[in-house]
Amino acid sequence: MKFLTVAEVAAVMRVSRMTVYRLVHSGELPAHRFGRSFRVPERAVHDYLRSAYNDVG
């Protein structure tokens, strides 16, 4: 399983890092805490984008 940093997730999703933190804290985007930083499973990012795309259109 590959994990992405918050900055990498923001780049993939084309949003700000703050938006990623909001998604993580709200529980919409699962993440694991490593020390003081979060890591998001790559699969979770793709699943979130797929569900967001399906919700819109």
PDB file of N, CA and C in Angstrom:
ATOM      1  N   MET A   1       0.847  -1.169   0.000  1.00  0.00           N
ATOM      2  CA  MET A   1       0.000   0.000   0.000  1.00  0.00           C
ATOM      3  C   MET A   1       0.894   1.234   0.000  1.00  0.00           C
ATOM      4  N   LYS A   2       0.593   2.162  -0.878  1.00  0.00           N
ATOM      5  CA  LYS A   2       1.375   3.396  -0.983  1.00  0.00           C
ATOM      6  C   LYS A   2       0.643   4.518  -0.265  1.00  0.00           C
ATOM      7  N   PHE A   3       1.394   5.293   0.511  1.00  0.00           N
ATOM      8  CA  PHE A   3       0.836   6.432   1.225  1.00  0.00           C
ATOM      9  C   PHE A   3       1.342   7.726   0.614  1.00  0.00           C
ATOM     10  N   LEU A   4       0.473   8.732   0.604  1.00  0.00           N
ATOM     11  CA  LEU A   4       0.818  10.047   0.074  1.00  0.00           C
ATOM     12  C   LEU A   4       0.817  11.075   1.197  1.00  0.00           C
ATOM     13  N   THR A   5       1.669  12.074   1.064  1.00  0.00           N
ATOM     14  CA  THR A   5       1.651  13.181   2.019  1.00  0.00           C
ATOM     15  C   THR A   5       0.467  14.089   1.705  1.00  0.00           C
ATOM     16  N   VAL A   6       0.184  14.982   2.623  1.00  0.00           N
ATOM     17  CA  VAL A   6      -0.907  15.938   2.406  1.00  0.00           C
ATOM     18  C   VAL A   6      -0.616  16.803   1.173  1.00  0.00           C
ATOM     19  N   ALA A   7       0.626  17.203   0.997  1.00  0.00           N
ATOM     20  CA  ALA A   7       0.995  18.019  -0.169  1.00  0.00           C
ATOM     21  C   ALA A   7       0.795  17.237  -1.465  1.00  0.00           C
ATOM     22  N   GLU A   8       1.143  15.955  -1.461  1.00  0.00           N
ATOM     23  CA  GLU A   8       0.957  15.136  -2.663  1.00  0.00           C
ATOM     24  C   GLU A   8      -0.521  14.943  -2.970  1.00  0.00           C
ATOM     25  N   VAL A   9      -1.322  14.737  -1.933  1.00  0.00           N
ATOM     26  CA  VAL A   9      -2.777  14.588  -2.129  1.00  0.00           C
ATOM     27  C   VAL A   9      -3.348  15.881  -2.706  1.00  0.00           C
ATOM     28  N   ALA A  10      -2.916  17.014  -2.167  1.00  0.00           N
ATOM     29  CA  ALA A  10      -3.397  18.302  -2.665  1.00  0.00           C
ATOM     30  C   ALA A  10      -3.052  18.481  -4.140  1.00  0.00           C
ATOM     31  N   ALA A  11      -1.870  18.059  -4.538  1.00  0.00           N
ATOM     32  CA  ALA A  11      -1.470  18.175  -5.939  1.00  0.00           C
ATOM     33  C   ALA A  11      -2.311  17.269  -6.832  1.00  0.00           C
ATOM     34  N   VAL A  12      -2.568  16.059  -6.389  1.00  0.00           N
ATOM     35  CA  VAL A  12      -3.368  15.119  -7.180  1.00  0.00           C
ATOM     36  C   VAL A  12      -4.800  15.625  -7.335  1.00  0.00           C
ATOM     37  N   MET A  13      -5.355  16.140  -6.232  1.00  0.00           N
ATOM     38  CA  MET A  13      -6.744  16.601  -6.243  1.00  0.00           C
ATOM     39  C   MET A  13      -6.893  18.023  -6.766  1.00  0.00           C
ATOM     40  N   ARG A  14      -5.750  18.715  -6.928  1.00  0.00           N
ATOM     41  CA  ARG A  14      -5.733  20.117  -7.361  1.00  0.00           C
ATOM     42  C   ARG A  14      -6.532  21.010  -6.426  1.00  0.00           C
ATOM     43  N   VAL A  15      -6.249  20.846  -5.129  1.00  0.00           N
ATOM     44  CA  VAL A  15      -6.844  21.680  -4.086  1.00  0.00           C
ATOM     45  C   VAL A  15      -5.715  22.128  -3.158  1.00  0.00           C
ATOM     46  N   SER A  16      -6.037  22.957  -2.191  1.00  0.00           N
ATOM     47  CA  SER A  16      -5.024  23.405  -1.238  1.00  0.00           C
ATOM     48  C   SER A  16      -4.781  22.344  -0.170  1.00  0.00           C
ATOM     49  N   ARG A  17      -3.661  22.480   0.513  1.00  0.00           N
ATOM     50  CA  ARG A  17      -3.367  21.556   1.608  1.00  0.00           C
ATOM     51  C   ARG A  17      -4.404  21.692   2.709  1.00  0.00           C
ATOM     52  N   MET A  18      -4.909  22.902   2.934  1.00  0.00           N
ATOM     53  CA  MET A  18      -5.930  23.116   3.962  1.00  0.00           C
ATOM     54  C   MET A  18      -7.208  22.338   3.645  1.00  0.00           C
ATOM     55  N   THR A  19      -7.571  22.265   2.377  1.00  0.00           N
ATOM     56  CA  THR A  19      -8.740  21.481   1.981  1.00  0.00           C
ATOM     57  C   THR A  19      -8.533  20.009   2.303  1.00  0.00           C
ATOM     58  N   VAL A  20      -7.337  19.502   2.063  1.00  0.00           N
ATOM     59  CA  VAL A  20      -7.038  18.106   2.382  1.00  0.00           C
ATOM     60  C   VAL A  20      -7.143  17.888   3.888  1.00  0.00           C
ATOM     61  N   TYR A  21      -6.589  18.809   4.675  1.00  0.00           N
ATOM     62  CA  TYR A  21      -6.698  18.681   6.128  1.00  0.00           C
ATOM     63  C   TYR A  21      -8.158  18.683   6.570  1.00  0.00           C
ATOM     64  N   ARG A  22      -8.986  19.519   5.960  1.00  0.00           N
ATOM     65  CA  ARG A  22     -10.416  19.540   6.306  1.00  0.00           C
ATOM     66  C   ARG A  22     -11.076  18.200   5.994  1.00  0.00           C
ATOM     67  N   LEU A  23     -10.748  17.620   4.839  1.00  0.00           N
ATOM     68  CA  LEU A  23     -11.319  16.322   4.468  1.00  0.00           C
ATOM     69  C   LEU A  23     -10.871  15.232   5.437  1.00  0.00           C
ATOM     70  N   VAL A  24      -9.623  15.292   5.853  1.00  0.00           N
ATOM     71  CA  VAL A  24      -9.100  14.298   6.800  1.00  0.00           C
ATOM     72  C   VAL A  24      -9.786  14.447   8.155  1.00  0.00           C
ATOM     73  N   HIS A  25      -9.870  15.666   8.657  1.00  0.00           N
ATOM     74  CA  HIS A  25     -10.463  15.889   9.981  1.00  0.00           C
ATOM     75  C   HIS A  25     -11.960  15.613  10.002  1.00  0.00           C
ATOM     76  N   SER A  26     -12.632  15.793   8.884  1.00  0.00           N
ATOM     77  CA  SER A  26     -14.076  15.515   8.836  1.00  0.00           C
ATOM     78  C   SER A  26     -14.359  14.027   8.656  1.00  0.00           C
ATOM     79  N   GLY A  27     -13.326  13.265   8.302  1.00  0.00           N
ATOM     80  CA  GLY A  27     -13.514  11.828   8.110  1.00  0.00           C
ATOM     81  C   GLY A  27     -13.867  11.448   6.687  1.00  0.00           C
ATOM     82  N   GLU A  28     -13.975  12.418   5.801  1.00  0.00           N
ATOM     83  CA  GLU A  28     -14.310  12.107   4.407  1.00  0.00           C
ATOM     84  C   GLU A  28     -13.155  11.430   3.682  1.00  0.00           C
ATOM     85  N   LEU A  29     -11.944  11.706   4.137  1.00  0.00           N
ATOM     86  CA  LEU A  29     -10.754  11.125   3.529  1.00  0.00           C
ATOM     87  C   LEU A  29      -9.959  10.431   4.638  1.00  0.00           C
ATOM     88  N   PRO A  30      -9.890   9.103   4.602  1.00  0.00           N
ATOM     89  CA  PRO A  30      -9.179   8.391   5.669  1.00  0.00           C
ATOM     90  C   PRO A  30      -7.678   8.672   5.611  1.00  0.00           C
ATOM     91  N   ALA A  31      -7.080   8.775   6.783  1.00  0.00           N
ATOM     92  CA  ALA A  31      -5.641   9.041   6.861  1.00  0.00           C
ATOM     93  C   ALA A  31      -5.081   8.395   8.113  1.00  0.00           C
ATOM     94  N   HIS A  32      -3.797   8.166   8.086  1.00  0.00           N
ATOM     95  CA  HIS A  32      -3.085   7.609   9.238  1.00  0.00           C
ATOM     96  C   HIS A  32      -2.099   8.662   9.718  1.00  0.00           C
ATOM     97  N   ARG A  33      -1.952   8.722  11.008  1.00  0.00           N
ATOM     98  CA  ARG A  33      -1.035   9.708  11.582  1.00  0.00           C
ATOM     99  C   ARG A  33       0.312   9.045  11.846  1.00  0.00           C
ATOM    100  N   PHE A  34       1.359   9.662  11.345  1.00  0.00           N
ATOM    101  CA  PHE A  34       2.728   9.220  11.577  1.00  0.00           C
ATOM    102  C   PHE A  34       3.450  10.376  12.254  1.00  0.00           C
ATOM    103  N   GLY A  35       3.623  10.275  13.559  1.00  0.00           N
ATOM    104  CA  GLY A  35       4.208  11.394  14.290  1.00  0.00           C
ATOM    105  C   GLY A  35       3.261  12.569  14.255  1.00  0.00           C
ATOM    106  N   ARG A  36       3.735  13.688  13.725  1.00  0.00           N
ATOM    107  CA  ARG A  36       2.895  14.883  13.647  1.00  0.00           C
ATOM    108  C   ARG A  36       2.264  15.071  12.276  1.00  0.00           C
ATOM    109  N   SER A  37       2.531  14.173  11.346  1.00  0.00           N
ATOM    110  CA  SER A  37       2.020  14.353   9.986  1.00  0.00           C
ATOM    111  C   SER A  37       1.013  13.261   9.628  1.00  0.00           C
ATOM    112  N   PHE A  38       0.216  13.550   8.630  1.00  0.00           N
ATOM    113  CA  PHE A  38      -0.772  12.601   8.134  1.00  0.00           C
ATOM    114  C   PHE A  38      -0.277  11.983   6.834  1.00  0.00           C
ATOM    115  N   ARG A  39      -0.640  10.734   6.636  1.00  0.00           N
ATOM    116  CA  ARG A  39      -0.397  10.055   5.371  1.00  0.00           C
ATOM    117  C   ARG A  39      -1.724   9.453   4.927  1.00  0.00           C
ATOM    118  N   VAL A  40      -2.022   9.622   3.650  1.00  0.00           N
ATOM    119  CA  VAL A  40      -3.297   9.177   3.098  1.00  0.00           C
ATOM    120  C   VAL A  40      -3.017   8.035   2.121  1.00  0.00           C
ATOM    121  N   PRO A  41      -3.730   6.916   2.276  1.00  0.00           N
ATOM    122  CA  PRO A  41      -3.542   5.823   1.311  1.00  0.00           C
ATOM    123  C   PRO A  41      -3.908   6.294  -0.100  1.00  0.00           C
ATOM    124  N   GLU A  42      -3.071   5.959  -1.054  1.00  0.00           N
ATOM    125  CA  GLU A  42      -3.300   6.385  -2.436  1.00  0.00           C
ATOM    126  C   GLU A  42      -4.662   5.908  -2.934  1.00  0.00           C
ATOM    127  N   ARG A  43      -5.044   4.705  -2.571  1.00  0.00           N
ATOM    128  CA  ARG A  43      -6.334   4.134  -2.985  1.00  0.00           C
ATOM    129  C   ARG A  43      -7.495   4.989  -2.463  1.00  0.00           C
ATOM    130  N   ALA A  44      -7.362   5.520  -1.246  1.00  0.00           N
ATOM    131  CA  ALA A  44      -8.425   6.350  -0.666  1.00  0.00           C
ATOM    132  C   ALA A  44      -8.617   7.634  -1.464  1.00  0.00           C
ATOM    133  N   VAL A  45      -7.526   8.201  -1.955  1.00  0.00           N
ATOM    134  CA  VAL A  45      -7.615   9.424  -2.767  1.00  0.00           C
ATOM    135  C   VAL A  45      -8.369   9.132  -4.059  1.00  0.00           C
ATOM    136  N   HIS A  46      -8.010   8.042  -4.722  1.00  0.00           N
ATOM    137  CA  HIS A  46      -8.680   7.692  -5.982  1.00  0.00           C
ATOM    138  C   HIS A  46     -10.151   7.343  -5.752  1.00  0.00           C
ATOM    139  N   ASP A  47     -10.443   6.651  -4.653  1.00  0.00           N
ATOM    140  CA  ASP A  47     -11.838   6.327  -4.335  1.00  0.00           C
ATOM    141  C   ASP A  47     -12.646   7.596  -4.062  1.00  0.00           C
ATOM    142  N   TYR A  48     -12.050   8.531  -3.349  1.00  0.00           N
ATOM    143  CA  TYR A  48     -12.744   9.784  -3.054  1.00  0.00           C
ATOM    144  C   TYR A  48     -13.031  10.556  -4.336  1.00  0.00           C
ATOM    145  N   LEU A  49     -12.039  10.654  -5.212  1.00  0.00           N
ATOM    146  CA  LEU A  49     -12.225  11.379  -6.473  1.00  0.00           C
ATOM    147  C   LEU A  49     -13.283  10.703  -7.340  1.00  0.00           C
ATOM    148  N   ARG A  50     -13.264   9.386  -7.365  1.00  0.00           N
ATOM    149  CA  ARG A  50     -14.245   8.643  -8.164  1.00  0.00           C
ATOM    150  C   ARG A  50     -15.658   8.897  -7.626  1.00  0.00           C
ATOM    151  N   SER A  51     -15.828   8.844  -6.299  1.00  0.00           N
ATOM    152  CA  SER A  51     -17.159   9.063  -5.730  1.00  0.00           C
ATOM    153  C   SER A  51     -17.609  10.509  -5.928  1.00  0.00           C
ATOM    154  N   ALA A  52     -16.684  11.458  -5.824  1.00  0.00           N
ATOM    155  CA  ALA A  52     -17.029  12.868  -6.045  1.00  0.00           C
ATOM    156  C   ALA A  52     -17.447  13.087  -7.495  1.00  0.00           C
ATOM    157  N   TYR A  53     -16.755  12.446  -8.410  1.00  0.00           N
ATOM    158  CA  TYR A  53     -17.080  12.562  -9.836  1.00  0.00           C
ATOM    159  C   TYR A  53     -18.460  11.968 -10.112  1.00  0.00           C
ATOM    160  N   ASN A  54     -18.760  10.827  -9.512  1.00  0.00           N
ATOM    161  CA  ASN A  54     -20.053  10.176  -9.718  1.00  0.00           C
ATOM    162  C   ASN A  54     -21.182  10.977  -9.085  1.00  0.00           C
ATOM    163  N   ASP A  55     -20.933  11.653  -7.967  1.00  0.00           N
ATOM    164  CA  ASP A  55     -21.962  12.467  -7.328  1.00  0.00           C
ATOM    165  C   ASP A  55     -22.339  13.677  -8.180  1.00  0.00           C
ATOM    166  N   VAL A  56     -21.379  14.219  -8.894  1.00  0.00           N
ATOM    167  CA  VAL A  56     -21.620  15.410  -9.704  1.00  0.00           C
ATOM    168  C   VAL A  56     -22.334  15.063 -11.004  1.00  0.00           C
ATOM    169  N   GLY A  57     -21.869  14.037 -11.647  1.00  0.00           N
ATOM    170  CA  GLY A  57     -22.460  13.815 -12.955  1.00  0.00           C
ATOM    171  C   GLY A  57     -22.542  12.397 -13.299  1.00  0.00           C
TER     172      GLY A  57
END
